[in-house]
Amino acid sequence: MTTDLDISIPLQLLRMQLVGLRKSKHLTQKELSNISGLSIGCISNIESGNDSTPIPSLNSVLKYVHALNSDLYIKEISVNN
């Protein structure tokens, strides 16, 4: 039996927090790109939340957060079948 895990809401919240964090540092996507080494397209994908955008890799998210001199905490969640 396969169970699909809907991560759209937590992912949407993460994206909103990341955009807020970048803006609180008064950085544009281009400036963050220069600092992080991520392409502007990658940063845009991390920050956008439409259905056609692929889920960002954890490595990319960590580079994004590290470039902002911040920490990322991941809360453990349990999934009951």
PDB file of N, CA and C in Angstrom:
ATOM      1  N   MET A   1       0.844  -1.184   0.000  1.00  0.00           N
ATOM      2  CA  MET A   1       0.000   0.000   0.000  1.00  0.00           C
ATOM      3  C   MET A   1       0.885   1.242   0.000  1.00  0.00           C
ATOM      4  N   THR A   2       0.621   2.162  -0.890  1.00  0.00           N
ATOM      5  CA  THR A   2       1.375   3.405  -0.987  1.00  0.00           C
ATOM      6  C   THR A   2       0.516   4.551  -0.479  1.00  0.00           C
ATOM      7  N   THR A   3       1.113   5.374   0.364  1.00  0.00           N
ATOM      8  CA  THR A   3       0.418   6.539   0.883  1.00  0.00           C
ATOM      9  C   THR A   3       1.147   7.782   0.413  1.00  0.00           C
ATOM     10  N   ASP A   4       0.417   8.695  -0.203  1.00  0.00           N
ATOM     11  CA  ASP A   4       1.014   9.951  -0.633  1.00  0.00           C
ATOM     12  C   ASP A   4       1.026  10.915   0.536  1.00  0.00           C
ATOM     13  N   LEU A   5       2.138  11.576   0.717  1.00  0.00           N
ATOM     14  CA  LEU A   5       2.288  12.558   1.775  1.00  0.00           C
ATOM     15  C   LEU A   5       2.126  13.943   1.167  1.00  0.00           C
ATOM     16  N   ASP A   6       1.153  14.691   1.647  1.00  0.00           N
ATOM     17  CA  ASP A   6       0.918  16.039   1.137  1.00  0.00           C
ATOM     18  C   ASP A   6       1.793  17.010   1.923  1.00  0.00           C
ATOM     19  N   ILE A   7       2.848  17.504   1.272  1.00  0.00           N
ATOM     20  CA  ILE A   7       3.742  18.440   1.935  1.00  0.00           C
ATOM     21  C   ILE A   7       3.525  19.865   1.447  1.00  0.00           C
ATOM     22  N   SER A   8       2.445  20.097   0.734  1.00  0.00           N
ATOM     23  CA  SER A   8       2.246  21.406   0.114  1.00  0.00           C
ATOM     24  C   SER A   8       2.097  22.521   1.141  1.00  0.00           C
ATOM     25  N   ILE A   9       1.399  22.275   2.247  1.00  0.00           N
ATOM     26  CA  ILE A   9       1.214  23.335   3.243  1.00  0.00           C
ATOM     27  C   ILE A   9       2.520  23.640   3.963  1.00  0.00           C
ATOM     28  N   PRO A  10       3.252  22.634   4.510  1.00  0.00           N
ATOM     29  CA  PRO A  10       4.537  22.962   5.143  1.00  0.00           C
ATOM     30  C   PRO A  10       5.515  23.600   4.165  1.00  0.00           C
ATOM     31  N   LEU A  11       5.527  23.170   2.919  1.00  0.00           N
ATOM     32  CA  LEU A  11       6.427  23.738   1.920  1.00  0.00           C
ATOM     33  C   LEU A  11       6.056  25.186   1.635  1.00  0.00           C
ATOM     34  N   GLN A  12       4.780  25.456   1.567  1.00  0.00           N
ATOM     35  CA  GLN A  12       4.313  26.828   1.333  1.00  0.00           C
ATOM     36  C   GLN A  12       4.729  27.732   2.498  1.00  0.00           C
ATOM     37  N   LEU A  13       4.633  27.226   3.718  1.00  0.00           N
ATOM     38  CA  LEU A  13       5.051  28.003   4.884  1.00  0.00           C
ATOM     39  C   LEU A  13       6.558  28.243   4.867  1.00  0.00           C
ATOM     40  N   LEU A  14       7.334  27.230   4.500  1.00  0.00           N
ATOM     41  CA  LEU A  14       8.777  27.373   4.404  1.00  0.00           C
ATOM     42  C   LEU A  14       9.131  28.451   3.386  1.00  0.00           C
ATOM     43  N   ARG A  15       8.487  28.398   2.243  1.00  0.00           N
ATOM     44  CA  ARG A  15       8.764  29.373   1.189  1.00  0.00           C
ATOM     45  C   ARG A  15       8.456  30.791   1.655  1.00  0.00           C
ATOM     46  N   MET A  16       7.340  30.968   2.347  1.00  0.00           N
ATOM     47  CA  MET A  16       6.973  32.289   2.857  1.00  0.00           C
ATOM     48  C   MET A  16       8.004  32.769   3.878  1.00  0.00           C
ATOM     49  N   GLN A  17       8.478  31.877   4.723  1.00  0.00           N
ATOM     50  CA  GLN A  17       9.467  32.257   5.731  1.00  0.00           C
ATOM     51  C   GLN A  17      10.794  32.627   5.077  1.00  0.00           C
ATOM     52  N   LEU A  18      11.193  31.887   4.053  1.00  0.00           N
ATOM     53  CA  LEU A  18      12.445  32.182   3.372  1.00  0.00           C
ATOM     54  C   LEU A  18      12.389  33.540   2.673  1.00  0.00           C
ATOM     55  N   VAL A  19      11.293  33.828   2.011  1.00  0.00           N
ATOM     56  CA  VAL A  19      11.140  35.133   1.353  1.00  0.00           C
ATOM     57  C   VAL A  19      11.185  36.240   2.408  1.00  0.00           C
ATOM     58  N   GLY A  20      10.481  36.033   3.510  1.00  0.00           N
ATOM     59  CA  GLY A  20      10.485  37.025   4.590  1.00  0.00           C
ATOM     60  C   GLY A  20      11.874  37.240   5.158  1.00  0.00           C
ATOM     61  N   LEU A  21      12.624  36.165   5.305  1.00  0.00           N
ATOM     62  CA  LEU A  21      13.986  36.253   5.814  1.00  0.00           C
ATOM     63  C   LEU A  21      14.875  37.043   4.859  1.00  0.00           C
ATOM     64  N   ARG A  22      14.781  36.716   3.565  1.00  0.00           N
ATOM     65  CA  ARG A  22      15.586  37.449   2.571  1.00  0.00           C
ATOM     66  C   ARG A  22      15.239  38.932   2.573  1.00  0.00           C
ATOM     67  N   LYS A  23      13.960  39.239   2.607  1.00  0.00           N
ATOM     68  CA  LYS A  23      13.535  40.633   2.576  1.00  0.00           C
ATOM     69  C   LYS A  23      13.925  41.372   3.860  1.00  0.00           C
ATOM     70  N   SER A  24      13.942  40.654   4.982  1.00  0.00           N
ATOM     71  CA  SER A  24      14.343  41.293   6.246  1.00  0.00           C
ATOM     72  C   SER A  24      15.821  41.690   6.216  1.00  0.00           C
ATOM     73  N   LYS A  25      16.594  41.028   5.358  1.00  0.00           N
ATOM     74  CA  LYS A  25      18.010  41.356   5.181  1.00  0.00           C
ATOM     75  C   LYS A  25      18.204  42.390   4.070  1.00  0.00           C
ATOM     76  N   HIS A  26      17.086  42.853   3.488  1.00  0.00           N
ATOM     77  CA  HIS A  26      17.084  43.864   2.422  1.00  0.00           C
ATOM     78  C   HIS A  26      17.907  43.413   1.213  1.00  0.00           C
ATOM     79  N   LEU A  27      17.715  42.144   0.836  1.00  0.00           N
ATOM     80  CA  LEU A  27      18.429  41.588  -0.310  1.00  0.00           C
ATOM     81  C   LEU A  27      17.462  41.268  -1.434  1.00  0.00           C
ATOM     82  N   THR A  28      17.902  41.519  -2.658  1.00  0.00           N
ATOM     83  CA  THR A  28      17.153  41.085  -3.828  1.00  0.00           C
ATOM     84  C   THR A  28      17.537  39.634  -4.124  1.00  0.00           C
ATOM     85  N   GLN A  29      16.787  39.000  -5.008  1.00  0.00           N
ATOM     86  CA  GLN A  29      17.149  37.644  -5.416  1.00  0.00           C
ATOM     87  C   GLN A  29      18.530  37.641  -6.075  1.00  0.00           C
ATOM     88  N   LYS A  30      18.829  38.674  -6.845  1.00  0.00           N
ATOM     89  CA  LYS A  30      20.131  38.753  -7.511  1.00  0.00           C
ATOM     90  C   LYS A  30      21.263  38.867  -6.490  1.00  0.00           C
ATOM     91  N   GLU A  31      21.076  39.682  -5.480  1.00  0.00           N
ATOM     92  CA  GLU A  31      22.104  39.821  -4.442  1.00  0.00           C
ATOM     93  C   GLU A  31      22.299  38.508  -3.680  1.00  0.00           C
ATOM     94  N   LEU A  32      21.192  37.835  -3.372  1.00  0.00           N
ATOM     95  CA  LEU A  32      21.291  36.544  -2.691  1.00  0.00           C
ATOM     96  C   LEU A  32      21.978  35.519  -3.583  1.00  0.00           C
ATOM     97  N   SER A  33      21.717  35.602  -4.869  1.00  0.00           N
ATOM     98  CA  SER A  33      22.370  34.708  -5.822  1.00  0.00           C
ATOM     99  C   SER A  33      23.885  34.887  -5.775  1.00  0.00           C
ATOM    100  N   ASN A  34      24.327  36.136  -5.757  1.00  0.00           N
ATOM    101  CA  ASN A  34      25.764  36.422  -5.700  1.00  0.00           C
ATOM    102  C   ASN A  34      26.395  35.904  -4.411  1.00  0.00           C
ATOM    103  N   ILE A  35      25.688  36.018  -3.302  1.00  0.00           N
ATOM    104  CA  ILE A  35      26.207  35.588  -2.009  1.00  0.00           C
ATOM    105  C   ILE A  35      26.210  34.068  -1.883  1.00  0.00           C
ATOM    106  N   SER A  36      25.125  33.434  -2.328  1.00  0.00           N
ATOM    107  CA  SER A  36      24.919  32.000  -2.097  1.00  0.00           C
ATOM    108  C   SER A  36      25.557  31.096  -3.144  1.00  0.00           C
ATOM    109  N   GLY A  37      25.777  31.652  -4.351  1.00  0.00           N
ATOM    110  CA  GLY A  37      26.242  30.810  -5.450  1.00  0.00           C
ATOM    111  C   GLY A  37      25.113  30.073  -6.148  1.00  0.00           C
ATOM    112  N   LEU A  38      23.872  30.280  -5.697  1.00  0.00           N
ATOM    113  CA  LEU A  38      22.701  29.695  -6.354  1.00  0.00           C
ATOM    114  C   LEU A  38      22.290  30.600  -7.511  1.00  0.00           C
ATOM    115  N   SER A  39      21.772  30.018  -8.560  1.00  0.00           N
ATOM    116  CA  SER A  39      21.292  30.837  -9.676  1.00  0.00           C
ATOM    117  C   SER A  39      20.022  31.581  -9.256  1.00  0.00           C
ATOM    118  N   ILE A  40      19.747  32.675  -9.960  1.00  0.00           N
ATOM    119  CA  ILE A  40      18.515  33.415  -9.689  1.00  0.00           C
ATOM    120  C   ILE A  40      17.310  32.515  -9.932  1.00  0.00           C
ATOM    121  N   GLY A  41      17.388  31.669 -10.952  1.00  0.00           N
ATOM    122  CA  GLY A  41      16.295  30.730 -11.235  1.00  0.00           C
ATOM    123  C   GLY A  41      16.060  29.771 -10.083  1.00  0.00           C
ATOM    124  N   CYS A  42      17.138  29.282  -9.478  1.00  0.00           N
ATOM    125  CA  CYS A  42      17.015  28.373  -8.342  1.00  0.00           C
ATOM    126  C   CYS A  42      16.369  29.084  -7.153  1.00  0.00           C
ATOM    127  N   ILE A  43      16.801  30.308  -6.897  1.00  0.00           N
ATOM    128  CA  ILE A  43      16.216  31.086  -5.798  1.00  0.00           C
ATOM    129  C   ILE A  43      14.739  31.340  -6.065  1.00  0.00           C
ATOM    130  N   SER A  44      14.408  31.662  -7.297  1.00  0.00           N
ATOM    131  CA  SER A  44      13.013  31.869  -7.663  1.00  0.00           C
ATOM    132  C   SER A  44      12.189  30.599  -7.445  1.00  0.00           C
ATOM    133  N   ASN A  45      12.755  29.443  -7.814  1.00  0.00           N
ATOM    134  CA  ASN A  45      12.055  28.171  -7.596  1.00  0.00           C
ATOM    135  C   ASN A  45      11.866  27.881  -6.115  1.00  0.00           C
ATOM    136  N   ILE A  46      12.876  28.201  -5.303  1.00  0.00           N
ATOM    137  CA  ILE A  46      12.752  27.985  -3.865  1.00  0.00           C
ATOM    138  C   ILE A  46      11.625  28.846  -3.304  1.00  0.00           C
ATOM    139  N   GLU A  47      11.528  30.068  -3.778  1.00  0.00           N
ATOM    140  CA  GLU A  47      10.577  31.022  -3.223  1.00  0.00           C
ATOM    141  C   GLU A  47       9.171  30.933  -3.801  1.00  0.00           C
ATOM    142  N   SER A  48       9.018  30.400  -4.994  1.00  0.00           N
ATOM    143  CA  SER A  48       7.687  30.374  -5.609  1.00  0.00           C
ATOM    144  C   SER A  48       6.904  29.174  -5.101  1.00  0.00           C
ATOM    145  N   GLY A  49       5.614  29.262  -5.211  1.00  0.00           N
ATOM    146  CA  GLY A  49       4.807  28.195  -4.665  1.00  0.00           C
ATOM    147  C   GLY A  49       3.750  27.654  -5.590  1.00  0.00           C
ATOM    148  N   ASN A  50       3.991  27.696  -6.901  1.00  0.00           N
ATOM    149  CA  ASN A  50       2.958  27.173  -7.790  1.00  0.00           C
ATOM    150  C   ASN A  50       3.153  25.670  -8.020  1.00  0.00           C
ATOM    151  N   ASP A  51       2.131  25.041  -8.527  1.00  0.00           N
ATOM    152  CA  ASP A  51       2.127  23.587  -8.685  1.00  0.00           C
ATOM    153  C   ASP A  51       3.156  23.077  -9.690  1.00  0.00           C
ATOM    154  N   SER A  52       3.571  23.922 -10.623  1.00  0.00           N
ATOM    155  CA  SER A  52       4.513  23.466 -11.646  1.00  0.00           C
ATOM    156  C   SER A  52       5.973  23.588 -11.193  1.00  0.00           C
ATOM    157  N   THR A  53       6.198  24.210 -10.040  1.00  0.00           N
ATOM    158  CA  THR A  53       7.561  24.388  -9.539  1.00  0.00           C
ATOM    159  C   THR A  53       7.995  23.143  -8.779  1.00  0.00           C
ATOM    160  N   PRO A  54       9.149  22.595  -9.115  1.00  0.00           N
ATOM    161  CA  PRO A  54       9.617  21.410  -8.394  1.00  0.00           C
ATOM    162  C   PRO A  54       9.974  21.742  -6.946  1.00  0.00           C
ATOM    163  N   ILE A  55       9.887  20.752  -6.096  1.00  0.00           N
ATOM    164  CA  ILE A  55      10.266  20.919  -4.697  1.00  0.00           C
ATOM    165  C   ILE A  55      11.771  21.177  -4.656  1.00  0.00           C
ATOM    166  N   PRO A  56      12.197  22.233  -3.960  1.00  0.00           N
ATOM    167  CA  PRO A  56      13.630  22.533  -3.922  1.00  0.00           C
ATOM    168  C   PRO A  56      14.406  21.471  -3.146  1.00  0.00           C
ATOM    169  N   SER A  57      15.655  21.250  -3.539  1.00  0.00           N
ATOM    170  CA  SER A  57      16.469  20.280  -2.815  1.00  0.00           C
ATOM    171  C   SER A  57      16.850  20.871  -1.462  1.00  0.00           C
ATOM    172  N   LEU A  58      17.057  20.014  -0.500  1.00  0.00           N
ATOM    173  CA  LEU A  58      17.466  20.459   0.824  1.00  0.00           C
ATOM    174  C   LEU A  58      18.807  21.177   0.746  1.00  0.00           C
ATOM    175  N   ASN A  59      19.696  20.696  -0.107  1.00  0.00           N
ATOM    176  CA  ASN A  59      20.995  21.334  -0.274  1.00  0.00           C
ATOM    177  C   ASN A  59      20.840  22.783  -0.737  1.00  0.00           C
ATOM    178  N   SER A  60      19.954  23.026  -1.683  1.00  0.00           N
ATOM    179  CA  SER A  60      19.724  24.392  -2.161  1.00  0.00           C
ATOM    180  C   SER A  60      19.133  25.267  -1.065  1.00  0.00           C
ATOM    181  N   VAL A  61      18.197  24.720  -0.310  1.00  0.00           N
ATOM    182  CA  VAL A  61      17.582  25.486   0.778  1.00  0.00           C
ATOM    183  C   VAL A  61      18.637  25.825   1.834  1.00  0.00           C
ATOM    184  N   LEU A  62      19.523  24.878   2.137  1.00  0.00           N
ATOM    185  CA  LEU A  62      20.570  25.132   3.122  1.00  0.00           C
ATOM    186  C   LEU A  62      21.539  26.207   2.644  1.00  0.00           C
ATOM    187  N   LYS A  63      21.890  26.193   1.354  1.00  0.00           N
ATOM    188  CA  LYS A  63      22.754  27.243   0.806  1.00  0.00           C
ATOM    189  C   LYS A  63      22.072  28.606   0.918  1.00  0.00           C
ATOM    190  N   TYR A  64      20.788  28.638   0.626  1.00  0.00           N
ATOM    191  CA  TYR A  64      19.979  29.860   0.716  1.00  0.00           C
ATOM    192  C   TYR A  64      20.030  30.406   2.135  1.00  0.00           C
ATOM    193  N   VAL A  65      19.740  29.543   3.102  1.00  0.00           N
ATOM    194  CA  VAL A  65      19.685  29.954   4.507  1.00  0.00           C
ATOM    195  C   VAL A  65      21.074  30.358   5.002  1.00  0.00           C
ATOM    196  N   HIS A  66      22.090  29.581   4.653  1.00  0.00           N
ATOM    197  CA  HIS A  66      23.453  29.881   5.081  1.00  0.00           C
ATOM    198  C   HIS A  66      23.910  31.235   4.552  1.00  0.00           C
ATOM    199  N   ALA A  67      23.562  31.550   3.315  1.00  0.00           N
ATOM    200  CA  ALA A  67      23.947  32.827   2.719  1.00  0.00           C
ATOM    201  C   ALA A  67      23.323  34.005   3.459  1.00  0.00           C
ATOM    202  N   LEU A  68      22.202  33.755   4.123  1.00  0.00           N
ATOM    203  CA  LEU A  68      21.540  34.800   4.905  1.00  0.00           C
ATOM    204  C   LEU A  68      22.025  34.820   6.353  1.00  0.00           C
ATOM    205  N   ASN A  69      23.046  33.997   6.618  1.00  0.00           N
ATOM    206  CA  ASN A  69      23.621  33.913   7.958  1.00  0.00           C
ATOM    207  C   ASN A  69      22.558  33.554   8.998  1.00  0.00           C
ATOM    208  N   SER A  70      21.731  32.577   8.643  1.00  0.00           N
ATOM    209  CA  SER A  70      20.636  32.139   9.501  1.00  0.00           C
ATOM    210  C   SER A  70      20.695  30.638   9.685  1.00  0.00           C
ATOM    211  N   ASP A  71      19.810  30.141  10.519  1.00  0.00           N
ATOM    212  CA  ASP A  71      19.710  28.709  10.780  1.00  0.00           C
ATOM    213  C   ASP A  71      18.374  28.190  10.273  1.00  0.00           C
ATOM    214  N   LEU A  72      18.352  26.903   9.972  1.00  0.00           N
ATOM    215  CA  LEU A  72      17.130  26.242   9.551  1.00  0.00           C
ATOM    216  C   LEU A  72      16.849  25.112  10.527  1.00  0.00           C
ATOM    217  N   TYR A  73      15.700  25.123  11.130  1.00  0.00           N
ATOM    218  CA  TYR A  73      15.288  24.070  12.050  1.00  0.00           C
ATOM    219  C   TYR A  73      14.168  23.270  11.407  1.00  0.00           C
ATOM    220  N   ILE A  74      14.322  21.992  11.411  1.00  0.00           N
ATOM    221  CA  ILE A  74      13.294  21.119  10.826  1.00  0.00           C
ATOM    222  C   ILE A  74      12.635  20.353  11.958  1.00  0.00           C
ATOM    223  N   LYS A  75      11.355  20.534  12.071  1.00  0.00           N
ATOM    224  CA  LYS A  75      10.580  19.874  13.108  1.00  0.00           C
ATOM    225  C   LYS A  75      10.192  18.487  12.642  1.00  0.00           C
ATOM    226  N   GLU A  76      10.413  17.527  13.488  1.00  0.00           N
ATOM    227  CA  GLU A  76      10.041  16.147  13.144  1.00  0.00           C
ATOM    228  C   GLU A  76       8.527  16.020  13.199  1.00  0.00           C
ATOM    229  N   ILE A  77       7.985  15.389  12.180  1.00  0.00           N
ATOM    230  CA  ILE A  77       6.557  15.113  12.169  1.00  0.00           C
ATOM    231  C   ILE A  77       6.354  13.617  12.024  1.00  0.00           C
ATOM    232  N   SER A  78       5.280  13.145  12.575  1.00  0.00           N
ATOM    233  CA  SER A  78       4.983  11.727  12.432  1.00  0.00           C
ATOM    234  C   SER A  78       3.771  11.576  11.522  1.00  0.00           C
ATOM    235  N   VAL A  79       3.812  10.527  10.760  1.00  0.00           N
ATOM    236  CA  VAL A  79       2.724  10.238   9.835  1.00  0.00           C
ATOM    237  C   VAL A  79       2.123   8.909  10.254  1.00  0.00           C
ATOM    238  N   ASN A  80       0.846   8.923  10.568  1.00  0.00           N
ATOM    239  CA  ASN A  80       0.162   7.699  10.960  1.00  0.00           C
ATOM    240  C   ASN A  80      -0.568   7.111   9.774  1.00  0.00           C
ATOM    241  N   ASN A  81      -0.417   5.816   9.584  1.00  0.00           N
ATOM    242  CA  ASN A  81      -1.118   5.150   8.476  1.00  0.00           C
ATOM    243  C   ASN A  81      -2.519   4.812   8.864  1.00  0.00           C
TER     244      ASN A  81
END
